[in-house]
Protein backbone atom coordinates (compact mmCIF):
# COMPACT_ATOMS: atom_id res chain seq x y z
CA MET A 1 1.21 -10.02 4.83
CA PRO A 2 3.51 -9.27 1.86
CA THR A 3 4.20 -5.69 0.83
CA HIS A 4 4.78 -6.57 -2.83
CA ALA A 5 2.91 -8.81 -5.22
CA PRO A 6 4.73 -12.06 -5.97
CA GLU A 7 6.62 -12.38 -9.23
CA HIS A 8 4.88 -14.50 -11.85
CA ALA A 9 5.16 -15.10 -15.58
CA ASP A 10 1.63 -13.80 -16.23
CA SER A 11 1.54 -10.48 -14.37
CA LYS A 12 -1.96 -9.68 -15.66
CA LEU A 13 -3.31 -12.24 -13.20
CA LEU A 14 -1.47 -10.86 -10.18
CA PRO A 15 -1.63 -7.48 -8.46
CA THR A 16 1.15 -4.94 -8.71
CA GLY A 17 2.24 -2.31 -6.23
CA ARG A 18 2.20 -2.19 -2.45
CA VAL A 19 -0.50 -3.43 -0.10
CA VAL A 20 -2.72 -0.61 1.19
CA ARG A 21 -3.13 -1.23 4.92
CA ASP A 22 -4.88 2.04 5.79
CA TRP A 23 -7.58 2.90 3.26
CA ALA A 24 -7.77 6.44 4.69
CA ASP A 25 -4.41 7.04 2.96
CA LEU A 26 -5.96 6.46 -0.48
CA ALA A 27 -6.79 9.59 -2.44
CA VAL A 28 -9.87 9.92 -4.63
CA ASP A 29 -8.84 9.19 -8.25
CA SER A 30 -5.96 6.92 -7.18
CA TRP A 31 -5.73 3.43 -8.73
CA VAL A 32 -5.73 0.08 -6.98
CA ASP A 33 -5.67 -3.62 -7.81
CA VAL A 34 -8.39 -5.44 -5.88
CA VAL A 35 -7.83 -9.04 -4.84
CA ALA A 36 -11.00 -10.50 -3.33
CA GLU A 37 -12.04 -14.02 -2.44
CA SER A 38 -13.55 -15.91 -5.39
CA GLU A 39 -13.25 -12.91 -7.74
CA PRO A 40 -10.87 -12.17 -10.60
CA LEU A 41 -8.24 -9.48 -10.14
CA THR A 42 -9.79 -6.04 -10.68
CA HIS A 43 -8.03 -2.78 -11.56
CA ALA A 44 -10.08 0.15 -10.27
CA ARG A 45 -10.09 3.88 -9.55
CA VAL A 46 -11.11 5.22 -6.14
CA ASP A 47 -14.23 7.23 -6.93
CA ALA A 48 -15.19 8.23 -3.36
CA LYS A 49 -14.38 7.27 0.22
CA THR A 50 -15.31 8.01 3.78
CA GLU A 51 -12.88 10.19 5.73
CA ASP A 52 -11.82 7.28 7.94
CA GLY A 53 -11.35 5.01 4.90
CA SER A 54 -13.79 2.37 6.12
CA ILE A 55 -15.86 2.60 2.91
CA LEU A 56 -14.66 2.99 -0.69
CA TRP A 57 -16.52 3.39 -3.97
CA LEU A 58 -14.42 1.90 -6.76
CA VAL A 59 -14.90 2.19 -10.53
CA GLU A 60 -13.52 -0.76 -12.47
CA ALA A 61 -11.23 -0.02 -15.40
CA GLY A 62 -12.66 -1.18 -18.70
CA THR A 63 -16.22 -1.87 -17.54
CA GLY A 64 -16.92 1.32 -15.58
CA ARG A 65 -18.79 -0.77 -13.01
CA ARG A 66 -19.00 1.04 -9.66
CA THR A 67 -18.80 -1.06 -6.49
CA LEU A 68 -18.96 -0.35 -2.78
CA ARG A 69 -16.22 -1.97 -0.71
CA LEU A 70 -16.04 -2.12 3.08
CA LYS A 71 -12.78 -2.33 5.03
CA THR A 72 -14.21 -5.46 6.68
CA ASP A 73 -14.65 -7.21 3.29
CA PRO A 74 -12.30 -10.17 2.66
CA LEU A 75 -10.05 -8.41 0.14
CA VAL A 76 -6.64 -6.80 -0.27
CA LEU A 77 -5.94 -3.56 -2.13
CA TYR A 78 -2.63 -2.84 -3.87
CA ARG A 79 -1.71 0.76 -4.75
CA THR A 80 -0.92 1.05 -8.48
CA SER A 81 -0.57 3.62 -11.21
CA HIS A 82 -3.01 3.75 -14.10
């Protein structure tokens, strides 16, 4: 699995930052790019998480939509800055 997002002319369609392998390392209020199957790229803030990092609540930038994500979901998170 790559540690950096691939370079591309339209960076708005691709994630930035490093892959987050251990969600327990994410702090509340940190920012991530979410790449999930059959979904557009989402930039979101970690709103809450379980101590072991198996469950995250994310708030999407722009829409404010709050979603629950499980570590077992088919997605990849990339650590970013806001």
